[in-house]
Protein backbone atom coordinates (compact mmCIF):
# COMPACT_ATOMS: atom_id res chain seq x y z
CA UNK A 1 -15.99 42.03 30.79
CA UNK A 2 -12.25 41.53 32.85
CA UNK A 3 -9.90 38.76 30.98
CA UNK A 4 -8.76 36.01 33.28
CA UNK A 5 -5.24 36.19 33.68
CA UNK A 6 -4.79 33.96 35.81
CA UNK A 7 -1.07 32.42 34.70
CA UNK A 8 -2.17 28.25 33.25
CA UNK A 9 -0.86 26.12 36.03
CA UNK A 10 1.05 22.72 35.05
CA UNK A 11 -0.52 21.93 32.07
CA UNK A 12 0.06 17.59 32.24
CA UNK A 13 1.97 15.99 28.93
CA UNK A 14 -0.50 14.79 27.02
CA UNK A 15 0.21 11.38 24.95
CA UNK A 16 0.63 13.95 21.40
CA UNK A 17 3.20 15.98 22.86
CA UNK A 18 4.76 13.24 24.63
CA UNK A 19 4.74 10.94 20.87
CA UNK A 20 6.83 14.19 19.52
CA UNK A 21 8.62 14.93 22.32
CA UNK A 22 9.86 11.08 22.76
CA UNK A 23 10.31 11.00 18.54
CA UNK A 24 12.82 13.97 18.69
CA UNK A 25 14.48 12.52 21.30
CA UNK A 26 15.00 9.07 19.68
CA UNK A 27 15.99 11.41 16.04
CA UNK A 28 18.69 13.01 17.73
CA UNK A 29 20.43 9.70 19.22
CA UNK A 30 20.66 8.26 16.62
CA UNK A 31 22.35 10.47 15.02
CA UNK A 32 24.67 10.57 17.68
CA UNK A 33 24.64 7.38 17.24
CA UNK A 34 25.78 7.30 13.66
CA UNK A 35 28.55 9.90 14.01
CA UNK A 36 30.13 9.03 16.61
CA UNK A 37 29.37 5.49 18.19
CA UNK A 38 29.21 3.97 14.30
CA UNK A 39 32.25 6.30 13.07
CA UNK A 40 30.25 7.33 9.79
CA UNK A 41 31.18 9.80 7.68
CA UNK A 42 29.36 10.95 4.66
CA UNK A 43 32.19 12.42 2.72
CA UNK A 44 33.21 9.59 1.64
CA UNK A 45 29.36 9.37 -0.31
CA UNK A 46 31.24 11.78 -3.03
CA UNK A 47 34.61 10.23 -3.39
CA UNK A 48 36.31 9.48 -6.67
CA UNK A 49 35.86 5.61 -6.75
CA UNK A 50 32.27 5.97 -5.96
CA UNK A 51 32.59 8.53 -8.89
CA UNK A 52 33.80 6.85 -11.39
CA UNK A 53 31.57 3.22 -10.73
CA UNK A 54 28.37 5.64 -10.75
CA UNK A 55 29.66 7.92 -13.98
CA UNK A 56 29.83 3.62 -15.17
CA UNK A 57 26.99 2.16 -14.15
CA UNK A 58 25.19 5.41 -16.06
CA UNK A 59 27.42 4.86 -18.75
CA UNK A 60 26.34 0.98 -19.17
CA UNK A 61 22.72 2.03 -18.65
CA UNK A 62 22.95 4.55 -21.57
CA UNK A 63 23.87 1.86 -23.17
CA UNK A 64 27.29 3.63 -24.29
CA UNK A 65 29.60 0.85 -25.97
CA UNK A 66 27.01 -1.53 -26.33
CA UNK A 67 26.08 -2.43 -30.33
CA UNK A 68 22.71 -3.09 -30.12
CA UNK A 69 21.16 -1.20 -26.57
CA UNK A 70 18.40 -3.31 -25.72
CA UNK A 71 15.92 0.35 -25.90
CA UNK A 72 16.87 0.56 -29.82
CA UNK A 73 15.70 -3.44 -30.72
CA UNK A 74 11.52 -3.84 -31.69
CA UNK A 75 12.01 -7.51 -30.24
CA UNK A 76 13.26 -6.28 -26.56
CA UNK A 77 10.71 -4.11 -26.80
CA UNK A 78 7.65 -6.52 -27.40
CA UNK A 79 9.15 -9.00 -24.99
CA UNK A 80 9.44 -5.96 -21.75
CA UNK A 81 5.82 -4.74 -23.25
CA UNK A 82 4.25 -8.19 -22.59
CA UNK A 83 6.56 -8.67 -19.03
CA UNK A 84 4.61 -5.23 -18.11
CA UNK A 85 1.18 -6.42 -19.46
CA UNK A 86 1.95 -9.01 -16.79
CA UNK A 87 2.61 -6.44 -13.80
CA UNK A 88 -0.11 -4.54 -14.76
CA UNK A 89 -2.27 -7.89 -14.36
CA UNK A 90 -0.92 -9.01 -11.05
CA UNK A 91 -1.88 -5.45 -9.84
CA UNK A 92 -5.43 -5.53 -10.74
CA UNK A 93 -6.25 -9.47 -9.56
CA UNK A 94 -3.96 -8.12 -6.02
CA UNK A 95 -6.80 -5.15 -5.77
CA UNK A 96 -9.30 -7.25 -6.49
CA UNK A 97 -8.71 -10.29 -4.23
CA UNK A 98 -8.09 -7.59 -1.71
CA UNK A 99 -11.58 -5.79 -2.45
CA UNK A 100 -13.48 -8.49 -1.95
CA UNK A 101 -12.10 -9.68 0.78
CA UNK A 102 -12.44 -5.97 2.19
CA UNK A 103 -16.23 -5.95 1.23
CA UNK A 104 -17.02 -9.23 2.70
CA UNK A 105 -15.64 -8.60 6.12
CA UNK A 106 -15.64 -4.47 6.66
CA UNK A 107 -19.41 -4.37 8.58
CA UNK A 108 -18.59 -7.02 10.78
CA UNK A 109 -14.82 -5.79 11.14
CA UNK A 110 -16.50 -2.25 12.27
CA UNK A 111 -16.30 -1.30 16.04
CA UNK A 112 -19.80 0.52 15.90
CA UNK A 113 -21.59 -2.41 14.11
CA UNK A 114 -20.32 -5.11 17.11
CA UNK A 115 -21.83 -2.81 19.89
CA UNK A 116 -24.76 -2.95 17.28
CA UNK A 117 -24.91 1.20 16.95
CA UNK A 118 -24.40 0.21 13.32
CA UNK A 119 -26.93 -1.92 12.33
CA UNK A 120 -29.77 -1.07 15.55
CA UNK A 121 -29.73 -4.52 16.88
CA UNK A 122 -27.05 -6.18 19.20
CA UNK A 123 -25.93 -10.01 18.35
CA UNK A 124 -23.60 -12.17 21.36
CA UNK A 125 -20.99 -12.89 18.61
CA UNK A 126 -20.54 -9.81 17.12
CA UNK A 127 -17.77 -8.74 19.50
CA UNK A 128 -16.49 -12.37 18.95
CA UNK A 129 -16.00 -11.91 14.81
CA UNK A 130 -15.39 -8.20 15.75
CA UNK A 131 -12.32 -9.22 17.28
CA UNK A 132 -11.53 -12.23 14.60
CA UNK A 133 -11.62 -10.05 12.31
CA UNK A 134 -9.61 -7.45 13.11
CA UNK A 135 -7.18 -9.98 14.39
CA UNK A 136 -7.13 -11.02 10.57
CA UNK A 137 -6.58 -7.25 9.71
CA UNK A 138 -3.27 -6.75 11.81
CA UNK A 139 -2.16 -10.28 11.03
CA UNK A 140 -2.34 -9.69 6.76
CA UNK A 141 -0.54 -6.16 7.38
CA UNK A 142 1.99 -7.05 8.91
CA UNK A 143 3.82 -9.51 7.24
CA UNK A 144 5.49 -7.74 4.12
CA UNK A 145 4.55 -8.42 0.80
CA UNK A 146 7.99 -9.90 -0.08
CA UNK A 147 7.71 -12.49 2.76
CA UNK A 148 3.93 -13.60 1.68
CA UNK A 149 5.17 -14.01 -1.43
CA UNK A 150 8.39 -16.07 -0.51
CA UNK A 151 5.69 -18.06 1.31
CA UNK A 152 3.68 -18.50 -1.23
CA UNK A 153 6.28 -19.52 -3.72
CA UNK A 154 6.20 -22.22 -2.24
CA UNK A 155 3.03 -23.51 -2.47
CA UNK A 156 2.78 -22.78 -6.22
CA UNK A 157 4.69 -22.32 -8.88
CA UNK A 158 6.51 -18.77 -9.74
CA UNK A 159 4.40 -16.58 -11.55
CA UNK A 160 1.67 -13.51 -11.66
CA UNK A 161 -0.52 -15.81 -9.23
CA UNK A 162 1.28 -16.24 -6.52
CA UNK A 163 2.76 -12.47 -6.71
CA UNK A 164 -1.11 -11.25 -7.08
CA UNK A 165 -1.94 -12.87 -3.76
CA UNK A 166 0.83 -11.91 -1.37
CA UNK A 167 -0.21 -8.40 -3.00
CA UNK A 168 -3.90 -8.86 -2.16
CA UNK A 169 -2.76 -10.43 1.95
CA UNK A 170 -0.65 -7.60 2.71
CA UNK A 171 -3.34 -5.04 1.14
CA UNK A 172 -6.30 -6.34 2.93
CA UNK A 173 -5.40 -6.25 6.19
CA UNK A 174 -4.63 -2.47 5.07
CA UNK A 175 -7.93 -1.55 3.12
CA UNK A 176 -9.92 -3.23 5.43
CA UNK A 177 -8.58 -1.27 9.05
CA UNK A 178 -9.41 1.82 6.68
CA UNK A 179 -12.57 1.26 5.08
CA UNK A 180 -13.65 0.27 9.25
CA UNK A 181 -12.86 3.27 10.49
CA UNK A 182 -14.73 5.30 7.91
CA UNK A 183 -17.92 3.07 9.04
CA UNK A 184 -16.90 4.33 12.58
CA UNK A 185 -16.96 7.49 11.59
CA UNK A 186 -20.06 7.55 9.95
CA UNK A 187 -23.27 10.19 10.94
CA UNK A 188 -25.70 7.53 12.23
CA UNK A 189 -28.31 9.73 12.12
CA UNK A 190 -29.70 8.62 8.93
CA UNK A 191 -29.67 5.34 10.22
CA UNK A 192 -31.77 5.76 12.76
CA UNK A 193 -34.49 8.03 10.19
CA UNK A 194 -34.74 4.46 8.73
CA UNK A 195 -34.74 2.24 11.44
CA UNK A 196 -37.60 5.19 12.70
CA UNK A 197 -39.23 4.45 9.59
CA UNK A 198 -39.29 0.19 9.62
CA UNK A 199 -36.10 -0.42 7.32
CA UNK A 200 -34.94 -4.26 9.01
CA UNK A 201 -30.76 -4.66 9.06
CA UNK A 202 -29.88 -5.41 5.41
CA UNK A 203 -32.18 -1.80 4.76
CA UNK A 204 -30.39 0.20 6.89
CA UNK A 205 -27.08 -0.96 5.55
CA UNK A 206 -28.24 -0.90 1.59
CA UNK A 207 -30.12 2.24 1.76
CA UNK A 208 -27.77 4.05 4.65
CA UNK A 209 -24.74 3.16 5.05
CA UNK A 210 -23.04 1.74 1.47
CA UNK A 211 -23.51 5.11 -0.13
CA UNK A 212 -22.20 6.43 2.35
CA UNK A 213 -19.37 5.18 2.54
CA UNK A 214 -18.86 3.63 -0.78
CA UNK A 215 -17.02 6.83 -2.03
CA UNK A 216 -14.23 7.40 0.11
CA UNK A 217 -13.97 3.16 0.06
CA UNK A 218 -13.48 3.02 -4.05
CA UNK A 219 -10.55 6.27 -3.17
CA UNK A 220 -8.79 3.94 -0.83
CA UNK A 221 -9.35 1.22 -3.34
CA UNK A 222 -7.19 3.77 -6.15
CA UNK A 223 -5.04 4.61 -4.06
CA UNK A 224 -4.08 1.02 -3.00
CA UNK A 225 -3.52 0.06 -6.45
CA UNK A 226 -1.15 2.46 -7.01
CA UNK A 227 1.01 1.77 -4.56
CA UNK A 228 0.08 -2.01 -5.63
CA UNK A 229 1.86 -1.09 -9.04
CA UNK A 230 4.94 0.00 -7.65
CA UNK A 231 5.24 -2.89 -5.56
CA UNK A 232 5.35 -5.42 -8.04
CA UNK A 233 8.66 -5.04 -9.11
CA UNK A 234 9.88 -5.51 -5.62
CA UNK A 235 7.30 -8.99 -5.39
CA UNK A 236 8.96 -9.89 -8.61
CA UNK A 237 12.51 -10.81 -7.19
CA UNK A 238 11.77 -13.51 -5.47
CA UNK A 239 9.60 -15.37 -8.36
CA UNK A 240 6.54 -13.84 -8.59
CA UNK A 241 6.84 -12.52 -12.69
CA UNK A 242 6.34 -9.37 -14.04
CA UNK A 243 8.71 -6.81 -14.65
CA UNK A 244 10.48 -7.89 -11.52
CA UNK A 245 11.36 -11.04 -12.25
CA UNK A 246 13.03 -10.07 -15.39
CA UNK A 247 14.84 -7.44 -14.11
CA UNK A 248 16.94 -9.07 -11.44
CA UNK A 249 17.35 -11.60 -14.09
CA UNK A 250 19.06 -8.17 -15.92
CA UNK A 251 21.13 -7.32 -13.28
CA UNK A 252 22.24 -10.48 -12.94
CA UNK A 253 22.91 -10.54 -16.32
CA UNK A 254 24.90 -7.32 -16.05
CA UNK A 255 22.52 -6.11 -19.29
CA UNK A 256 22.29 -2.77 -18.22
CA UNK A 257 20.50 -1.21 -21.16
CA UNK A 258 17.77 -4.06 -20.73
CA UNK A 259 17.25 -2.39 -17.20
CA UNK A 260 16.74 1.43 -18.79
CA UNK A 261 14.31 -0.31 -21.14
CA UNK A 262 12.52 -1.54 -18.53
CA UNK A 263 12.43 0.79 -16.10
CA UNK A 264 10.99 2.97 -19.19
CA UNK A 265 8.16 0.26 -19.45
CA UNK A 266 7.93 0.93 -15.70
CA UNK A 267 7.50 4.22 -15.12
CA UNK A 268 4.98 4.37 -18.76
CA UNK A 269 2.96 2.04 -16.11
CA UNK A 270 3.13 4.09 -12.96
CA UNK A 271 2.23 7.11 -15.08
CA UNK A 272 -0.70 5.66 -16.67
CA UNK A 273 -1.86 4.10 -13.68
CA UNK A 274 -1.90 7.42 -11.65
CA UNK A 275 -4.05 9.15 -14.66
CA UNK A 276 -6.40 6.54 -14.58
CA UNK A 277 -6.59 6.56 -10.91
CA UNK A 278 -7.16 10.20 -10.80
CA UNK A 279 -9.18 9.84 -13.30
CA UNK A 280 -11.80 7.40 -10.97
CA UNK A 281 -11.39 10.27 -8.03
CA UNK A 282 -12.81 13.26 -10.61
CA UNK A 283 -15.86 10.71 -11.56
CA UNK A 284 -16.84 9.57 -7.50
CA UNK A 285 -16.23 13.58 -6.28
């Protein structure tokens, strides 16, 4: 059989190729602007003055010259561990609120549920509900957690609840979008088999949809929980409590050894959360 040696003519530039080309051009223009228009000089980052202040800052964090560094006293450890526990509670509340909101809206927020291919019953209000829920997903994740926290602080008094609500509102949109796409990519053959056997809409969702999507749902929830724990310290800067608020106060009071203690507890918390999340993911595989 002869091979077709006809050269490929005029391959059209698709969206992916155009996007990659546009990103490369934008990166080149950005670096040109940084070095020529903004007159940036990276060598200034390694000047003697910056090295002196960096060395001084690291010595202070190590407690050099301090009589009783915070990480050597029992009382400081006790206080920071209590704040670590509050930070953990904030993250659990946040992922709980966002997961509940996602579960309540993810089915009508899926495109195949709106057009009737998922539930095998098309209602006139499904597209309207789909549009409203997708708008909520976009709006909630478009507003950063820090902005949500600053807004909620004006309503509630400072504490872990405003921080949890701010994190939940932002992650609700992210979880909803991710999990709705899981439902949209679902294999519909088992659902059609259930429908042909006489199953109603509730039975199709309970026995056909949820068992198929639940492992990915749990994976996304655990992943976002890890991200939430890493974000709690930023939320605390605006008065949401936990380690973040104490970190800001320690920076304001120039209590560097206490900053070191907070960072140690924060790293321990993140490490334990990663281990726990990885263990749960292995259980559902």
